[in-house]
C-alpha atoms as a PDB file:
ATOM      1  CA  MET A   1     -17.018   4.742  14.233  1.00  0.00           C
ATOM      2  CA  VAL A   2     -15.451   6.718  11.402  1.00  0.00           C
ATOM      3  CA  THR A   3     -16.332   5.405   7.957  1.00  0.00           C
ATOM      4  CA  PRO A   4     -13.202   4.940   5.804  1.00  0.00           C
ATOM      5  CA  ASN A   5     -12.833   7.296   2.870  1.00  0.00           C
ATOM      6  CA  PRO A   6     -13.670   5.440  -0.377  1.00  0.00           C
ATOM      7  CA  ILE A   7     -10.886   4.908  -2.897  1.00  0.00           C
ATOM      8  CA  SER A   8     -12.517   7.490  -5.174  1.00  0.00           C
ATOM      9  CA  ALA A   9     -11.944  10.155  -2.482  1.00  0.00           C
ATOM     10  CA  VAL A  10      -8.117   9.920  -2.933  1.00  0.00           C
ATOM     11  CA  ASN A  11      -7.339  11.798   0.305  1.00  0.00           C
ATOM     12  CA  PRO A  12      -7.987  10.673   3.896  1.00  0.00           C
ATOM     13  CA  SER A  13     -10.299  12.880   5.920  1.00  0.00           C
ATOM     14  CA  GLN A  14      -9.136  14.521   9.113  1.00  0.00           C
ATOM     15  CA  ASP A  15     -11.497  12.214  11.021  1.00  0.00           C
ATOM     16  CA  SER A  16      -9.772   9.104   9.652  1.00  0.00           C
ATOM     17  CA  ILE A  17      -6.332  10.527  10.418  1.00  0.00           C
ATOM     18  CA  ASP A  18      -7.496  11.290  13.956  1.00  0.00           C
ATOM     19  CA  LEU A  19      -8.775   7.711  14.278  1.00  0.00           C
ATOM     20  CA  LEU A  20      -5.362   6.351  13.248  1.00  0.00           C
ATOM     21  CA  ALA A  21      -3.843   8.476  16.022  1.00  0.00           C
ATOM     22  CA  THR A  22      -5.887   6.594  18.635  1.00  0.00           C
ATOM     23  CA  TRP A  23      -4.173   3.283  17.854  1.00  0.00           C
ATOM     24  CA  PRO A  24      -1.215   2.232  20.071  1.00  0.00           C
ATOM     25  CA  ASP A  25       1.999   3.624  18.592  1.00  0.00           C
ATOM     26  CA  ASP A  26       3.972   0.511  19.509  1.00  0.00           C
ATOM     27  CA  GLY A  27       5.937  -0.293  16.358  1.00  0.00           C
ATOM     28  CA  PRO A  28       6.775   0.607  12.774  1.00  0.00           C
ATOM     29  CA  ILE A  29       4.174   0.509  10.030  1.00  0.00           C
ATOM     30  CA  ALA A  30       4.125  -0.135   6.304  1.00  0.00           C
ATOM     31  CA  MET A  31       1.675   2.191   4.547  1.00  0.00           C
ATOM     32  CA  LEU A  32       0.311   0.623   1.377  1.00  0.00           C
ATOM     33  CA  ASN A  33      -0.522   2.999  -1.477  1.00  0.00           C
ATOM     34  CA  LEU A  34      -2.346   1.691  -4.551  1.00  0.00           C
ATOM     35  CA  LEU A  35      -2.484   4.437  -7.164  1.00  0.00           C
ATOM     36  CA  ALA A  36      -4.640   5.023 -10.249  1.00  0.00           C
ATOM     37  CA  TYR A  37      -3.578   8.072 -12.266  1.00  0.00           C
ATOM     38  CA  ASN A  38      -5.662  10.623 -14.129  1.00  0.00           C
ATOM     39  CA  GLY A  39      -3.880   9.843 -17.393  1.00  0.00           C
ATOM     40  CA  ASP A  40      -0.394  11.099 -18.292  1.00  0.00           C
ATOM     41  CA  ASP A  41      -1.041  14.574 -16.886  1.00  0.00           C
ATOM     42  CA  GLY A  42      -2.171  12.979 -13.647  1.00  0.00           C
ATOM     43  CA  ARG A  43       0.971  10.867 -13.458  1.00  0.00           C
ATOM     44  CA  ALA A  44       3.070  14.014 -13.896  1.00  0.00           C
ATOM     45  CA  ALA A  45       1.093  15.836 -11.192  1.00  0.00           C
ATOM     46  CA  TYR A  46       1.533  12.936  -8.789  1.00  0.00           C
ATOM     47  CA  GLY A  47       5.237  12.905  -9.597  1.00  0.00           C
ATOM     48  CA  ARG A  48       5.493  16.516  -8.450  1.00  0.00           C
ATOM     49  CA  TYR A  49       3.727  15.589  -5.242  1.00  0.00           C
ATOM     50  CA  GLY A  50       5.960  12.542  -4.800  1.00  0.00           C
ATOM     51  CA  ALA A  51       9.161  14.581  -5.116  1.00  0.00           C
ATOM     52  CA  VAL A  52       8.159  16.609  -2.059  1.00  0.00           C
ATOM     53  CA  ALA A  53       6.493  13.756  -0.147  1.00  0.00           C
ATOM     54  CA  SER A  54       9.572  11.520  -0.381  1.00  0.00           C
ATOM     55  CA  LYS A  55      11.690  14.209   1.294  1.00  0.00           C
ATOM     56  CA  THR A  56       9.023  14.707   3.966  1.00  0.00           C
ATOM     57  CA  VAL A  57       8.968  10.968   4.677  1.00  0.00           C
ATOM     58  CA  ALA A  58      12.769  10.729   4.785  1.00  0.00           C
ATOM     59  CA  ALA A  59      12.987  13.650   7.232  1.00  0.00           C
ATOM     60  CA  ARG A  60      10.953  11.537   9.667  1.00  0.00           C
ATOM     61  CA  GLY A  61      13.002   8.381   9.277  1.00  0.00           C
ATOM     62  CA  GLY A  62      10.769   6.770   6.663  1.00  0.00           C
ATOM     63  CA  SER A  63      11.569   5.299   3.278  1.00  0.00           C
ATOM     64  CA  ALA A  64      10.071   3.328   0.394  1.00  0.00           C
ATOM     65  CA  ILE A  65      10.097  -0.426   0.960  1.00  0.00           C
ATOM     66  CA  PHE A  66       9.388  -0.900  -2.729  1.00  0.00           C
ATOM     67  CA  ILE A  67       7.881   0.941  -5.708  1.00  0.00           C
ATOM     68  CA  GLY A  68       6.482  -0.675  -8.818  1.00  0.00           C
ATOM     69  CA  ALA A  69       4.067  -0.691 -11.728  1.00  0.00           C
ATOM     70  CA  VAL A  70       1.051  -2.993 -11.946  1.00  0.00           C
ATOM     71  CA  THR A  71       1.678  -5.367 -14.851  1.00  0.00           C
ATOM     72  CA  ASP A  72      -1.947  -6.216 -15.730  1.00  0.00           C
ATOM     73  CA  PRO A  73      -3.161  -3.617 -18.276  1.00  0.00           C
ATOM     74  CA  THR A  74      -6.782  -4.411 -17.367  1.00  0.00           C
ATOM     75  CA  SER A  75      -6.274  -3.601 -13.679  1.00  0.00           C
ATOM     76  CA  ASN A  76      -7.870  -0.532 -12.114  1.00  0.00           C
ATOM     77  CA  TRP A  77      -4.481   0.267 -10.527  1.00  0.00           C
ATOM     78  CA  ASP A  78      -1.333   1.690 -12.129  1.00  0.00           C
ATOM     79  CA  SER A  79       1.323   1.779  -9.403  1.00  0.00           C
ATOM     80  CA  VAL A  80       2.064   0.507  -5.903  1.00  0.00           C
ATOM     81  CA  VAL A  81       4.185   2.138  -3.208  1.00  0.00           C
ATOM     82  CA  LEU A  82       4.833   0.517   0.171  1.00  0.00           C
ATOM     83  CA  VAL A  83       6.272   3.062   2.613  1.00  0.00           C
ATOM     84  CA  TYR A  84       8.052   2.413   5.916  1.00  0.00           C
ATOM     85  CA  TYR A  85       7.416   4.702   8.893  1.00  0.00           C
ATOM     86  CA  PRO A  86       9.297   4.088  12.161  1.00  0.00           C
ATOM     87  CA  ARG A  87       6.100   4.903  14.085  1.00  0.00           C
ATOM     88  CA  ARG A  88       2.566   6.040  13.298  1.00  0.00           C
ATOM     89  CA  ALA A  89       3.584   9.365  14.839  1.00  0.00           C
ATOM     90  CA  ALA A  90       5.935   9.948  11.898  1.00  0.00           C
ATOM     91  CA  TYR A  91       3.068   9.646   9.422  1.00  0.00           C
ATOM     92  CA  LEU A  92       0.807  11.803  11.587  1.00  0.00           C
ATOM     93  CA  ASP A  93       3.491  14.485  11.947  1.00  0.00           C
ATOM     94  CA  MET A  94       3.668  14.773   8.149  1.00  0.00           C
ATOM     95  CA  GLN A  95       0.080  15.990   8.171  1.00  0.00           C
ATOM     96  CA  ARG A  96       1.291  19.184   9.871  1.00  0.00           C
ATOM     97  CA  ASP A  97       4.229  19.853   7.531  1.00  0.00           C
ATOM     98  CA  GLN A  98       3.414  22.935   5.437  1.00  0.00           C
ATOM     99  CA  ALA A  99       5.579  21.963   2.459  1.00  0.00           C
ATOM    100  CA  TYR A 100       3.785  18.621   2.332  1.00  0.00           C
ATOM    101  CA  LEU A 101       0.353  20.212   2.706  1.00  0.00           C
ATOM    102  CA  ASP A 102       1.143  22.615  -0.125  1.00  0.00           C
ATOM    103  CA  VAL A 103       1.534  19.774  -2.663  1.00  0.00           C
ATOM    104  CA  ILE A 104      -1.557  17.771  -1.697  1.00  0.00           C
ATOM    105  CA  PRO A 105      -3.510  19.551  -4.494  1.00  0.00           C
ATOM    106  CA  GLU A 106      -1.059  17.952  -6.959  1.00  0.00           C
ATOM    107  CA  ARG A 107      -1.864  14.538  -5.489  1.00  0.00           C
ATOM    108  CA  THR A 108      -5.579  15.260  -5.669  1.00  0.00           C
ATOM    109  CA  ALA A 109      -5.338  16.318  -9.313  1.00  0.00           C
ATOM    110  CA  GLY A 110      -3.076  13.412 -10.180  1.00  0.00           C
ATOM    111  CA  LEU A 111      -5.197  10.502  -8.967  1.00  0.00           C
ATOM    112  CA  ARG A 112      -8.602   9.139  -9.924  1.00  0.00           C
ATOM    113  CA  ALA A 113      -8.471   6.496  -7.159  1.00  0.00           C
ATOM    114  CA  ARG A 114      -6.255   5.474  -4.270  1.00  0.00           C
ATOM    115  CA  LEU A 115      -6.103   2.790  -1.599  1.00  0.00           C
ATOM    116  CA  LEU A 116      -4.240   3.791   1.576  1.00  0.00           C
ATOM    117  CA  TYR A 117      -3.898   1.238   4.385  1.00  0.00           C
ATOM    118  CA  PRO A 118      -1.441   0.768   7.273  1.00  0.00           C
ATOM    119  CA  PHE A 119       0.068  -2.612   8.182  1.00  0.00           C
ATOM    120  CA  ALA A 120       2.142  -3.496  11.236  1.00  0.00           C
ATOM    121  CA  LEU A 121       5.833  -4.253  10.742  1.00  0.00           C
ATOM    122  CA  PRO A 122       8.067  -6.156  13.167  1.00  0.00           C
ATOM    123  CA  GLU A 123      10.496  -4.051  15.165  1.00  0.00           C
ATOM    124  CA  ALA A 124      13.921  -3.904  13.489  1.00  0.00           C
ATOM    125  CA  ASP A 125      17.147  -1.905  13.686  1.00  0.00           C
ATOM    126  CA  VAL A 126      16.972  -0.910  10.016  1.00  0.00           C
ATOM    127  CA  ALA A 127      14.149  -0.042   7.645  1.00  0.00           C
ATOM    128  CA  PRO A 128      13.049  -2.982   5.477  1.00  0.00           C
ATOM    129  CA  THR A 129      13.628  -2.860   1.733  1.00  0.00           C
ATOM    130  CA  LEU A 130      12.580  -5.316  -0.944  1.00  0.00           C
ATOM    131  CA  THR A 131      14.713  -5.676  -4.056  1.00  0.00           C
ATOM    132  CA  ALA A 132      14.354  -7.842  -7.131  1.00  0.00           C
ATOM    133  CA  ALA A 133      16.582  -9.021  -9.965  1.00  0.00           C
ATOM    134  CA  ASP A 134      15.928  -7.965 -13.561  1.00  0.00           C
ATOM    135  CA  THR A 135      13.235 -10.536 -14.353  1.00  0.00           C
ATOM    136  CA  GLU A 136      11.756 -10.903 -10.874  1.00  0.00           C
ATOM    137  CA  VAL A 137       8.371  -9.468  -9.891  1.00  0.00           C
ATOM    138  CA  PHE A 138       6.443  -8.936  -6.688  1.00  0.00           C
ATOM    139  CA  GLU A 139       2.895 -10.079  -6.099  1.00  0.00           C
ATOM    140  CA  ILE A 140       0.890  -8.309  -3.429  1.00  0.00           C
ATOM    141  CA  GLU A 141      -2.065 -10.062  -1.872  1.00  0.00           C
ATOM    142  CA  LEU A 142      -4.595  -8.210   0.275  1.00  0.00           C
ATOM    143  CA  VAL A 143      -6.876 -10.461   2.309  1.00  0.00           C
ATOM    144  CA  HIS A 144      -9.990  -9.750   4.347  1.00  0.00           C
ATOM    145  CA  SER A 145     -11.055 -12.668   6.563  1.00  0.00           C
ATOM    146  CA  PRO A 146     -14.377 -12.041   8.328  1.00  0.00           C
ATOM    147  CA  ASP A 147     -13.912 -15.273  10.318  1.00  0.00           C
ATOM    148  CA  PRO A 148     -10.524 -15.500  12.118  1.00  0.00           C
ATOM    149  CA  ALA A 149     -10.882 -19.299  12.108  1.00  0.00           C
ATOM    150  CA  HIS A 150     -10.814 -19.349   8.300  1.00  0.00           C
ATOM    151  CA  VAL A 151      -7.985 -17.021   7.306  1.00  0.00           C
ATOM    152  CA  LEU A 152      -6.914 -17.678   3.728  1.00  0.00           C
ATOM    153  CA  GLU A 153      -3.412 -19.154   3.601  1.00  0.00           C
ATOM    154  CA  PRO A 154      -0.864 -17.884   1.043  1.00  0.00           C
ATOM    155  CA  THR A 155      -1.162 -19.447  -2.396  1.00  0.00           C
ATOM    156  CA  THR A 156       2.587 -20.124  -2.553  1.00  0.00           C
ATOM    157  CA  PRO A 157       4.034 -19.686   0.962  1.00  0.00           C
ATOM    158  CA  ASP A 158       7.615 -20.378  -0.157  1.00  0.00           C
ATOM    159  CA  HIS A 159       7.553 -17.154  -2.188  1.00  0.00           C
ATOM    160  CA  VAL A 160       6.239 -14.884   0.586  1.00  0.00           C
ATOM    161  CA  VAL A 161       8.764 -12.257   1.750  1.00  0.00           C
ATOM    162  CA  LEU A 162       6.388 -10.142   3.887  1.00  0.00           C
ATOM    163  CA  ASP A 163       3.254 -11.261   5.736  1.00  0.00           C
ATOM    164  CA  LEU A 164       1.747  -8.395   7.732  1.00  0.00           C
ATOM    165  CA  GLN A 165      -1.397  -7.801   9.739  1.00  0.00           C
ATOM    166  CA  ALA A 166      -3.385  -4.568   9.665  1.00  0.00           C
ATOM    167  CA  GLY A 167      -1.698  -1.870  11.728  1.00  0.00           C
ATOM    168  CA  GLY A 168      -4.586   0.546  12.039  1.00  0.00           C
ATOM    169  CA  PRO A 169      -7.816   1.548  10.372  1.00  0.00           C
ATOM    170  CA  GLY A 170      -7.926   1.973   6.628  1.00  0.00           C
ATOM    171  CA  LEU A 171      -7.576   5.603   5.588  1.00  0.00           C
ATOM    172  CA  VAL A 172      -8.743   5.347   1.965  1.00  0.00           C
ATOM    173  CA  THR A 173     -10.407   2.022   1.187  1.00  0.00           C
ATOM    174  CA  ASP A 174     -13.696   0.495   0.146  1.00  0.00           C
ATOM    175  CA  GLN A 175     -13.469  -2.255   2.769  1.00  0.00           C
ATOM    176  CA  PRO A 176     -11.346  -3.511   5.672  1.00  0.00           C
ATOM    177  CA  TRP A 177      -8.221  -5.604   5.010  1.00  0.00           C
ATOM    178  CA  ASP A 178      -6.641  -7.909   7.570  1.00  0.00           C
ATOM    179  CA  HIS A 179      -3.433  -9.069   5.879  1.00  0.00           C
ATOM    180  CA  LEU A 180      -0.903  -7.822   3.358  1.00  0.00           C
ATOM    181  CA  ARG A 181       1.356 -10.430   1.797  1.00  0.00           C
ATOM    182  CA  VAL A 182       4.193  -9.699  -0.606  1.00  0.00           C
ATOM    183  CA  ALA A 183       5.648 -12.587  -2.605  1.00  0.00           C
ATOM    184  CA  LEU A 184       8.671 -12.630  -4.929  1.00  0.00           C
ATOM    185  CA  TYR A 185       8.558 -14.598  -8.173  1.00  0.00           C
ATOM    186  CA  PRO A 186      11.276 -15.246 -10.774  1.00  0.00           C
ATOM    187  CA  SER A 187       9.096 -13.858 -13.588  1.00  0.00           C
ATOM    188  CA  ALA A 188       5.721 -12.330 -14.371  1.00  0.00           C
ATOM    189  CA  GLN A 189       4.715 -15.598 -16.008  1.00  0.00           C
ATOM    190  CA  SER A 190       5.342 -17.622 -12.849  1.00  0.00           C
ATOM    191  CA  ALA A 191       3.438 -15.080 -10.756  1.00  0.00           C
ATOM    192  CA  ALA A 192       0.503 -15.129 -13.154  1.00  0.00           C
ATOM    193  CA  ALA A 193       0.414 -18.927 -13.047  1.00  0.00           C
ATOM    194  CA  SER A 194      -0.082 -18.791  -9.268  1.00  0.00           C
ATOM    195  CA  GLN A 195      -3.022 -16.404  -9.415  1.00  0.00           C
ATOM    196  CA  ARG A 196      -6.542 -17.749  -9.067  1.00  0.00           C
ATOM    197  CA  ALA A 197      -8.044 -14.348  -9.809  1.00  0.00           C
ATOM    198  CA  THR A 198      -7.195 -10.668  -9.447  1.00  0.00           C
ATOM    199  CA  THR A 199     -10.131 -10.136  -7.080  1.00  0.00           C
ATOM    200  CA  SER A 200     -12.145 -12.990  -5.634  1.00  0.00           C
ATOM    201  CA  THR A 201     -14.158 -14.244  -2.663  1.00  0.00           C
ATOM    202  CA  ASN A 202     -13.545 -17.840  -1.619  1.00  0.00           C
ATOM    203  CA  PRO A 203     -16.096 -20.230   0.002  1.00  0.00           C
ATOM    204  CA  ASP A 204     -14.996 -19.213   3.512  1.00  0.00           C
ATOM    205  CA  GLY A 205     -15.856 -15.582   2.773  1.00  0.00           C
ATOM    206  CA  ASN A 206     -12.265 -14.351   2.404  1.00  0.00           C
ATOM    207  CA  THR A 207     -11.979 -11.443  -0.032  1.00  0.00           C
ATOM    208  CA  VAL A 208      -8.670 -11.308  -1.879  1.00  0.00           C
ATOM    209  CA  LEU A 209      -7.045  -8.689  -4.106  1.00  0.00           C
ATOM    210  CA  ARG A 210      -3.910  -9.765  -5.987  1.00  0.00           C
ATOM    211  CA  LEU A 211      -1.651  -7.606  -8.147  1.00  0.00           C
ATOM    212  CA  VAL A 212       1.617  -8.453  -9.908  1.00  0.00           C
ATOM    213  CA  ILE A 213       4.125  -5.622  -9.635  1.00  0.00           C
ATOM    214  CA  GLN A 214       7.132  -4.830 -11.816  1.00  0.00           C
ATOM    215  CA  PRO A 215       9.644  -3.265  -9.395  1.00  0.00           C
ATOM    216  CA  GLY A 216      11.112   0.124 -10.283  1.00  0.00           C
ATOM    217  CA  SER A 217      12.988   3.031  -8.781  1.00  0.00           C
ATOM    218  CA  SER A 218      10.329   5.652  -9.543  1.00  0.00           C
ATOM    219  CA  LEU A 219       6.609   5.955 -10.198  1.00  0.00           C
END
């Protein structure tokens, strides 16, 4: 079994990409990117990478579901990007695109940490997008449930707009994740009020990572 690349590695290894290719390519995926920049210069370097990567994704039918900044200044993460791919094959094909490969050094220089994890999306005729009004924020919730009989339920199910199961092995991660939930709140204050903790483990052994995201159009 291939060991996932730790978040400090930033880039997935070829072994982990090959492992993703062994999973059934039976539906679209949402690739979660949590990003921590190497300061302002790192943010600029990642922006140069992103300008090329976004065109590479679009050429394969993919698109950003949402982009945003992490609102908690004490968080280890700076930005979140959730990317739609019509199939895993689209993501895998990017790994052979020379223009994309040429800017990976910019990504490597730009980030001090990264979490990269695929989640399964339902089949649909159009790519999903999540939008928010001026004061609204997203909360993402990653959940690992070692016991399927004790999966942690959403804190506020009425706010959940996406509830996805893992759609492949983690590519850059310190641990497995089973669920990605995205909730929409009217304000950062209301989202913060719902949070028990940014990272926690509950009595049933569920590990949870929660981040409040200010939506934006760029990183």
